[in-house]
Amino acid sequence: MTIKPVKLDIEKNGEVQVDSIYRLIILAGLRSKQLLRGSTPRIKADPLKRKNTSIALEELRQGLVSFTVNGKGAVAEERITS
């Protein structure tokens, strides 16, 4: 089994979206929890065929999830809007 490297779209329209793969994981986890709690997906996705984690990653890849980073580099969870 080979694992393909993930190409991360760091910039979109000149704005930095996600600055590291670690922040991407944190954001995807937070968004996945929101989806689990009943938030509406921002992409067209069949919940029987796609899991919340893959939906969250696709939303982040497309730049559909807004977030802020506080001064210490931590992601402010409440800023990820559903």
N, C-alpha and C. Protein backbone atom coordinates (compact mmCIF):
# COMPACT_ATOMS: atom_id res chain seq x y z
N MET A 1 0.84 -1.18 0.00
CA MET A 1 0.00 0.00 0.00
C MET A 1 0.89 1.24 0.00
N THR A 2 0.66 2.11 -0.95
CA THR A 2 1.42 3.34 -1.01
C THR A 2 0.55 4.51 -0.60
N ILE A 3 1.16 5.43 0.08
CA ILE A 3 0.46 6.63 0.54
C ILE A 3 0.89 7.78 -0.34
N LYS A 4 -0.08 8.42 -0.97
CA LYS A 4 0.22 9.57 -1.81
C LYS A 4 0.36 10.81 -0.95
N PRO A 5 1.37 11.63 -1.21
CA PRO A 5 1.50 12.87 -0.44
C PRO A 5 0.35 13.82 -0.75
N VAL A 6 -0.09 14.53 0.26
CA VAL A 6 -1.20 15.48 0.11
C VAL A 6 -0.63 16.81 -0.31
N LYS A 7 -1.15 17.34 -1.40
CA LYS A 7 -0.76 18.67 -1.84
C LYS A 7 -1.67 19.67 -1.14
N LEU A 8 -1.09 20.54 -0.35
CA LEU A 8 -1.86 21.48 0.45
C LEU A 8 -1.91 22.83 -0.25
N ASP A 9 -3.12 23.29 -0.56
CA ASP A 9 -3.29 24.62 -1.14
C ASP A 9 -3.14 25.64 -0.02
N ILE A 10 -1.93 26.17 0.11
CA ILE A 10 -1.67 27.09 1.21
C ILE A 10 -2.22 28.47 0.91
N GLU A 11 -2.17 28.88 -0.34
CA GLU A 11 -2.66 30.21 -0.69
C GLU A 11 -3.82 30.11 -1.66
N LYS A 12 -4.79 30.97 -1.45
CA LYS A 12 -5.93 31.07 -2.36
C LYS A 12 -6.24 32.54 -2.52
N ASN A 13 -6.18 33.03 -3.73
CA ASN A 13 -6.41 34.45 -4.02
C ASN A 13 -5.46 35.35 -3.25
N GLY A 14 -4.22 34.91 -3.05
CA GLY A 14 -3.24 35.73 -2.36
C GLY A 14 -3.35 35.72 -0.85
N GLU A 15 -4.35 35.06 -0.29
CA GLU A 15 -4.52 35.00 1.15
C GLU A 15 -4.06 33.64 1.67
N VAL A 16 -3.34 33.67 2.76
CA VAL A 16 -2.91 32.41 3.36
C VAL A 16 -4.10 31.75 4.02
N GLN A 17 -4.39 30.51 3.62
CA GLN A 17 -5.52 29.79 4.18
C GLN A 17 -5.07 28.93 5.36
N VAL A 18 -4.17 28.00 5.13
CA VAL A 18 -3.68 27.13 6.19
C VAL A 18 -2.16 27.12 6.09
N ASP A 19 -1.48 27.49 7.17
CA ASP A 19 -0.03 27.64 7.10
C ASP A 19 0.76 26.37 7.37
N SER A 20 0.12 25.33 7.91
CA SER A 20 0.84 24.08 8.14
C SER A 20 -0.12 22.91 8.13
N ILE A 21 0.42 21.75 7.90
CA ILE A 21 -0.39 20.53 7.88
C ILE A 21 -0.97 20.26 9.26
N TYR A 22 -0.27 20.68 10.30
CA TYR A 22 -0.75 20.46 11.67
C TYR A 22 -1.99 21.30 11.96
N ARG A 23 -1.98 22.54 11.49
CA ARG A 23 -3.16 23.39 11.66
C ARG A 23 -4.33 22.85 10.84
N LEU A 24 -4.04 22.31 9.67
CA LEU A 24 -5.07 21.70 8.85
C LEU A 24 -5.75 20.56 9.60
N ILE A 25 -4.97 19.73 10.29
CA ILE A 25 -5.52 18.61 11.06
C ILE A 25 -6.40 19.12 12.19
N ILE A 26 -5.95 20.15 12.89
CA ILE A 26 -6.73 20.72 13.99
C ILE A 26 -8.04 21.30 13.46
N LEU A 27 -7.96 22.05 12.38
CA LEU A 27 -9.17 22.65 11.80
C LEU A 27 -10.14 21.60 11.30
N ALA A 28 -9.62 20.58 10.64
CA ALA A 28 -10.48 19.51 10.14
C ALA A 28 -11.16 18.79 11.30
N GLY A 29 -10.45 18.59 12.40
CA GLY A 29 -11.04 17.95 13.57
C GLY A 29 -12.15 18.79 14.17
N LEU A 30 -11.92 20.08 14.28
CA LEU A 30 -12.94 20.97 14.83
C LEU A 30 -14.17 21.03 13.93
N ARG A 31 -13.95 21.12 12.63
CA ARG A 31 -15.07 21.17 11.70
C ARG A 31 -15.82 19.84 11.67
N SER A 32 -15.09 18.74 11.78
CA SER A 32 -15.71 17.42 11.82
C SER A 32 -16.63 17.29 13.03
N LYS A 33 -16.20 17.82 14.17
CA LYS A 33 -17.06 17.81 15.36
C LYS A 33 -18.32 18.61 15.14
N GLN A 34 -18.20 19.75 14.46
CA GLN A 34 -19.38 20.55 14.16
C GLN A 34 -20.36 19.77 13.29
N LEU A 35 -19.83 19.09 12.29
CA LEU A 35 -20.68 18.29 11.41
C LEU A 35 -21.34 17.16 12.17
N LEU A 36 -20.61 16.55 13.09
CA LEU A 36 -21.15 15.47 13.90
C LEU A 36 -22.30 15.96 14.78
N ARG A 37 -22.21 17.22 15.23
CA ARG A 37 -23.24 17.80 16.09
C ARG A 37 -24.42 18.37 15.30
N GLY A 38 -24.41 18.21 13.97
CA GLY A 38 -25.57 18.62 13.20
C GLY A 38 -25.40 19.82 12.29
N SER A 39 -24.21 20.36 12.17
CA SER A 39 -23.97 21.48 11.28
C SER A 39 -24.18 21.05 9.83
N THR A 40 -24.64 21.96 9.00
CA THR A 40 -24.89 21.66 7.59
C THR A 40 -23.57 21.72 6.81
N PRO A 41 -23.27 20.69 6.02
CA PRO A 41 -22.06 20.73 5.20
C PRO A 41 -22.14 21.85 4.17
N ARG A 42 -20.99 22.44 3.86
CA ARG A 42 -20.93 23.53 2.89
C ARG A 42 -20.64 23.02 1.49
N ILE A 43 -20.49 21.73 1.35
CA ILE A 43 -20.32 21.13 0.04
C ILE A 43 -21.44 20.11 -0.15
N LYS A 44 -21.70 19.75 -1.38
CA LYS A 44 -22.71 18.73 -1.64
C LYS A 44 -22.07 17.38 -1.32
N ALA A 45 -22.60 16.71 -0.32
CA ALA A 45 -22.02 15.44 0.10
C ALA A 45 -23.12 14.50 0.59
N ASP A 46 -23.04 13.28 0.17
CA ASP A 46 -23.96 12.25 0.62
C ASP A 46 -23.43 11.70 1.94
N PRO A 47 -24.12 11.91 3.06
CA PRO A 47 -23.61 11.45 4.36
C PRO A 47 -23.46 9.94 4.45
N LEU A 48 -24.13 9.19 3.59
CA LEU A 48 -23.99 7.74 3.62
C LEU A 48 -22.72 7.28 2.90
N LYS A 49 -22.16 8.14 2.06
CA LYS A 49 -20.97 7.77 1.30
C LYS A 49 -19.70 8.48 1.76
N ARG A 50 -19.85 9.63 2.43
CA ARG A 50 -18.68 10.39 2.87
C ARG A 50 -18.74 10.61 4.37
N LYS A 51 -17.61 10.49 5.00
CA LYS A 51 -17.54 10.70 6.44
C LYS A 51 -17.30 12.17 6.74
N ASN A 52 -17.60 12.56 7.97
CA ASN A 52 -17.46 13.97 8.38
C ASN A 52 -16.03 14.48 8.18
N THR A 53 -15.05 13.63 8.43
CA THR A 53 -13.66 14.05 8.30
C THR A 53 -13.32 14.41 6.85
N SER A 54 -13.76 13.60 5.90
CA SER A 54 -13.46 13.90 4.50
C SER A 54 -14.24 15.12 4.02
N ILE A 55 -15.45 15.31 4.54
CA ILE A 55 -16.22 16.51 4.21
C ILE A 55 -15.50 17.75 4.75
N ALA A 56 -15.02 17.68 5.99
CA ALA A 56 -14.32 18.81 6.60
C ALA A 56 -13.04 19.15 5.84
N LEU A 57 -12.28 18.14 5.44
CA LEU A 57 -11.06 18.39 4.68
C LEU A 57 -11.36 19.03 3.33
N GLU A 58 -12.40 18.58 2.68
CA GLU A 58 -12.77 19.16 1.38
C GLU A 58 -13.23 20.61 1.54
N GLU A 59 -13.99 20.90 2.60
CA GLU A 59 -14.40 22.28 2.87
C GLU A 59 -13.19 23.17 3.10
N LEU A 60 -12.21 22.69 3.84
CA LEU A 60 -11.00 23.46 4.08
C LEU A 60 -10.20 23.65 2.79
N ARG A 61 -10.13 22.59 1.98
CA ARG A 61 -9.38 22.68 0.73
C ARG A 61 -9.99 23.72 -0.20
N GLN A 62 -11.31 23.82 -0.20
CA GLN A 62 -12.00 24.79 -1.05
C GLN A 62 -12.06 26.18 -0.43
N GLY A 63 -11.58 26.33 0.81
CA GLY A 63 -11.60 27.63 1.46
C GLY A 63 -12.97 28.06 1.94
N LEU A 64 -13.84 27.11 2.25
CA LEU A 64 -15.20 27.41 2.67
C LEU A 64 -15.35 27.60 4.18
N VAL A 65 -14.29 27.31 4.93
CA VAL A 65 -14.33 27.42 6.39
C VAL A 65 -13.43 28.58 6.80
N SER A 66 -14.01 29.55 7.49
CA SER A 66 -13.21 30.67 7.97
C SER A 66 -12.76 30.39 9.40
N PHE A 67 -11.57 30.86 9.73
CA PHE A 67 -11.04 30.66 11.07
C PHE A 67 -10.08 31.80 11.39
N THR A 68 -9.80 31.97 12.67
CA THR A 68 -8.81 32.95 13.10
C THR A 68 -7.79 32.25 13.96
N VAL A 69 -6.60 32.82 13.99
CA VAL A 69 -5.52 32.28 14.80
C VAL A 69 -5.18 33.36 15.82
N ASN A 70 -5.18 32.97 17.11
CA ASN A 70 -4.85 33.98 18.12
C ASN A 70 -3.34 34.21 18.16
N GLY A 71 -2.88 35.12 18.99
CA GLY A 71 -1.48 35.51 19.04
C GLY A 71 -0.52 34.39 19.36
N LYS A 72 -0.98 33.35 20.03
CA LYS A 72 -0.10 32.25 20.40
C LYS A 72 -0.08 31.15 19.34
N GLY A 73 -0.81 31.33 18.25
CA GLY A 73 -0.82 30.36 17.18
C GLY A 73 -1.92 29.32 17.29
N ALA A 74 -2.73 29.41 18.33
CA ALA A 74 -3.83 28.46 18.51
C ALA A 74 -5.03 28.89 17.68
N VAL A 75 -5.77 27.94 17.22
CA VAL A 75 -6.97 28.22 16.44
C VAL A 75 -8.11 28.51 17.40
N ALA A 76 -8.81 29.59 17.12
CA ALA A 76 -9.97 29.92 17.94
C ALA A 76 -11.16 29.12 17.42
N GLU A 77 -11.60 28.15 18.19
CA GLU A 77 -12.66 27.23 17.74
C GLU A 77 -13.95 27.95 17.44
N GLU A 78 -14.30 28.94 18.24
CA GLU A 78 -15.59 29.59 18.05
C GLU A 78 -15.65 30.40 16.76
N ARG A 79 -14.55 30.65 16.13
CA ARG A 79 -14.53 31.42 14.89
C ARG A 79 -14.82 30.54 13.68
N ILE A 80 -14.81 29.24 13.83
CA ILE A 80 -15.18 28.37 12.71
C ILE A 80 -16.68 28.36 12.69
N THR A 81 -17.24 29.04 11.73
CA THR A 81 -18.69 29.20 11.69
C THR A 81 -19.34 28.04 10.96
N SER A 82 -20.52 27.67 11.40
CA SER A 82 -21.21 26.56 10.75
C SER A 82 -22.26 27.00 9.79
